[in-house]
Protein backbone atom coordinates (compact mmCIF):
# COMPACT_ATOMS: atom_id res chain seq x y z
CA MET A 1 127.14 83.82 67.60
CA ILE A 2 129.20 87.32 66.28
CA ARG A 3 132.72 86.63 66.35
CA ARG A 4 134.80 90.37 67.47
CA THR A 5 138.15 91.32 66.76
CA ALA A 6 140.42 92.22 70.62
CA ALA A 7 139.47 96.12 69.16
CA GLN A 8 135.86 95.57 68.41
CA LEU A 9 135.20 93.95 72.13
CA SER A 10 136.96 97.11 74.46
CA GLU A 11 134.59 99.51 72.29
CA HIS A 12 131.49 97.67 73.06
CA MET A 13 132.62 96.77 76.78
CA ARG A 14 132.60 100.77 77.06
CA THR A 15 129.40 102.00 76.14
CA ILE A 16 128.09 99.79 78.46
CA ARG A 17 127.31 102.06 81.44
CA LYS A 18 127.25 101.87 85.01
CA LYS A 19 124.31 104.43 86.13
CA ASP A 20 120.98 105.65 83.98
CA THR A 21 121.30 101.92 82.60
CA ARG A 22 117.91 101.19 80.88
CA PRO A 23 116.73 99.15 83.76
CA GLU A 24 117.24 101.32 86.20
CA ILE A 25 114.92 104.27 84.93
CA ALA A 26 112.21 101.50 84.64
CA VAL A 27 112.32 101.10 88.21
CA ARG A 28 112.48 104.67 89.17
CA ARG A 29 109.56 105.38 86.90
CA ILE A 30 108.02 103.01 88.69
CA VAL A 31 109.05 104.31 92.47
CA HIS A 32 108.36 107.20 91.93
CA ALA A 33 104.54 106.46 89.90
CA LEU A 34 103.95 104.69 93.16
CA GLY A 35 104.32 108.77 94.74
CA TYR A 36 108.02 108.24 96.26
CA ARG A 37 110.52 110.37 95.75
CA PHE A 38 114.18 108.94 96.25
CA ARG A 39 117.96 110.19 95.74
CA LEU A 40 120.71 109.02 93.70
CA HIS A 41 123.64 106.53 93.58
CA ARG A 42 124.32 107.97 97.57
CA ARG A 43 128.00 107.25 97.97
CA ASP A 44 128.23 107.63 101.58
CA LEU A 45 126.51 103.71 101.30
CA PRO A 46 127.50 101.13 100.97
CA GLY A 47 127.74 99.82 97.13
CA THR A 48 126.37 103.20 96.00
CA PRO A 49 122.54 101.31 96.15
CA ASP A 50 121.18 102.93 92.30
CA ILE A 51 117.89 104.63 94.79
CA VAL A 52 117.66 105.37 97.82
CA LEU A 53 114.53 106.61 100.55
CA PRO A 54 116.34 108.09 103.22
CA ARG A 55 112.75 108.57 104.97
CA HIS A 56 111.77 105.28 104.84
CA ARG A 57 115.85 104.16 105.45
CA LYS A 58 114.88 101.82 101.93
CA VAL A 59 117.67 101.31 98.96
CA ILE A 60 117.19 99.59 95.62
CA LEU A 61 119.72 97.94 93.91
CA VAL A 62 119.40 97.59 90.01
CA HIS A 63 121.47 95.43 88.98
CA GLY A 64 122.65 93.49 85.58
CA CYS A 65 122.64 89.72 85.20
CA PHE A 66 125.53 88.93 83.74
CA TRP A 67 127.84 91.82 85.93
CA HIS A 68 126.34 90.22 88.90
CA GLN A 69 125.83 86.82 88.64
CA HIS A 70 122.14 86.24 88.74
CA ALA A 71 121.76 82.47 89.92
CA ASN A 72 120.24 80.72 86.84
CA CYS A 73 119.47 83.52 84.88
CA ARG A 74 119.24 82.21 81.20
CA LEU A 75 121.15 86.56 80.97
CA SER A 76 124.37 85.41 82.90
CA LYS A 77 125.66 83.12 81.07
CA LEU A 78 130.07 82.43 81.48
CA PRO A 79 132.28 83.82 78.72
CA ARG A 80 133.71 81.38 76.94
CA SER A 81 137.03 83.30 76.35
CA ARG A 82 139.33 84.61 78.74
CA THR A 83 138.08 82.65 81.49
CA SER A 84 141.05 82.89 83.89
CA TYR A 85 139.82 87.26 83.44
CA TRP A 86 136.18 87.25 83.58
CA LEU A 87 135.51 84.70 86.82
CA PRO A 88 138.00 86.39 89.27
CA LYS A 89 136.44 89.07 88.66
CA LEU A 90 132.83 88.38 88.02
CA ALA A 91 133.40 86.40 91.23
CA ARG A 92 134.46 89.56 93.34
CA ASN A 93 131.09 91.54 91.94
CA VAL A 94 129.11 88.77 93.64
CA GLN A 95 131.58 89.23 96.82
CA ARG A 96 131.17 92.83 96.59
CA ASP A 97 127.07 92.63 96.27
CA GLU A 98 126.66 90.59 98.98
CA THR A 99 129.50 93.39 101.50
CA ALA A 100 127.31 96.14 100.53
CA LEU A 101 123.39 94.18 101.70
CA THR A 102 125.03 93.31 104.18
CA ALA A 103 127.14 96.18 105.63
CA LEU A 104 124.12 97.70 104.52
CA ARG A 105 121.85 95.83 106.88
CA GLN A 106 123.83 96.32 109.85
CA MET A 107 123.38 100.05 109.67
CA GLY A 108 119.18 100.06 109.69
CA TRP A 109 118.37 100.09 106.14
CA LYS A 110 116.29 97.51 104.63
CA ALA A 111 117.15 96.17 100.54
CA CYS A 112 115.88 95.01 97.20
CA VAL A 113 117.54 94.24 94.85
CA ILE A 114 115.44 94.26 91.79
CA TRP A 115 117.54 91.66 88.81
CA GLU A 116 117.42 93.44 85.07
CA CYS A 117 115.47 90.07 83.46
CA GLU A 118 112.46 90.90 86.77
CA VAL A 119 112.19 94.57 84.81
CA ALA A 120 110.45 92.80 81.63
CA ASP A 121 107.61 91.83 83.74
CA GLN A 122 106.30 95.64 84.81
CA GLY A 123 103.30 94.45 86.67
CA ARG A 124 104.69 91.63 88.59
CA LEU A 125 107.81 94.50 89.08
CA LEU A 126 104.86 97.08 90.93
CA LYS A 127 103.49 94.57 92.43
CA ARG A 128 107.37 93.35 94.50
CA LEU A 129 108.16 97.67 94.52
CA ASN A 130 105.21 98.38 96.24
CA ARG A 131 105.21 95.32 99.10
CA PHE A 132 108.79 96.24 99.54
CA LEU A 133 108.50 99.75 100.23
CA ARG A 134 105.17 99.77 102.28
CA SER A 135 106.70 97.23 104.50
């Protein structure tokens, strides 16, 4: 394990993107290749979904396994340092996700959550997205 100084860690955390991540772009490419047109990051919807298909009333949320605490995933390990900061922060993220999904469903939107670790298997992801979009 690489030990980083506080300044190095801070710099690393600054480079982590909120939008246009590699997993998100991979999902967008598949959705586009399936023939669907979509909008990105609609701020008027709860949770600001990554991909919005207004005509179909469907949204796709692409979650990072660490930031959104994907259950039983090797990428979602909890930090061992500064746990008094990280544990509440990550718990808030999970709670915010649940609240946003509930609100979207109450508004009549169908939602699909794609996890960062699921993007590696493109064939499986294609089948899952196709099934969600055609339902």
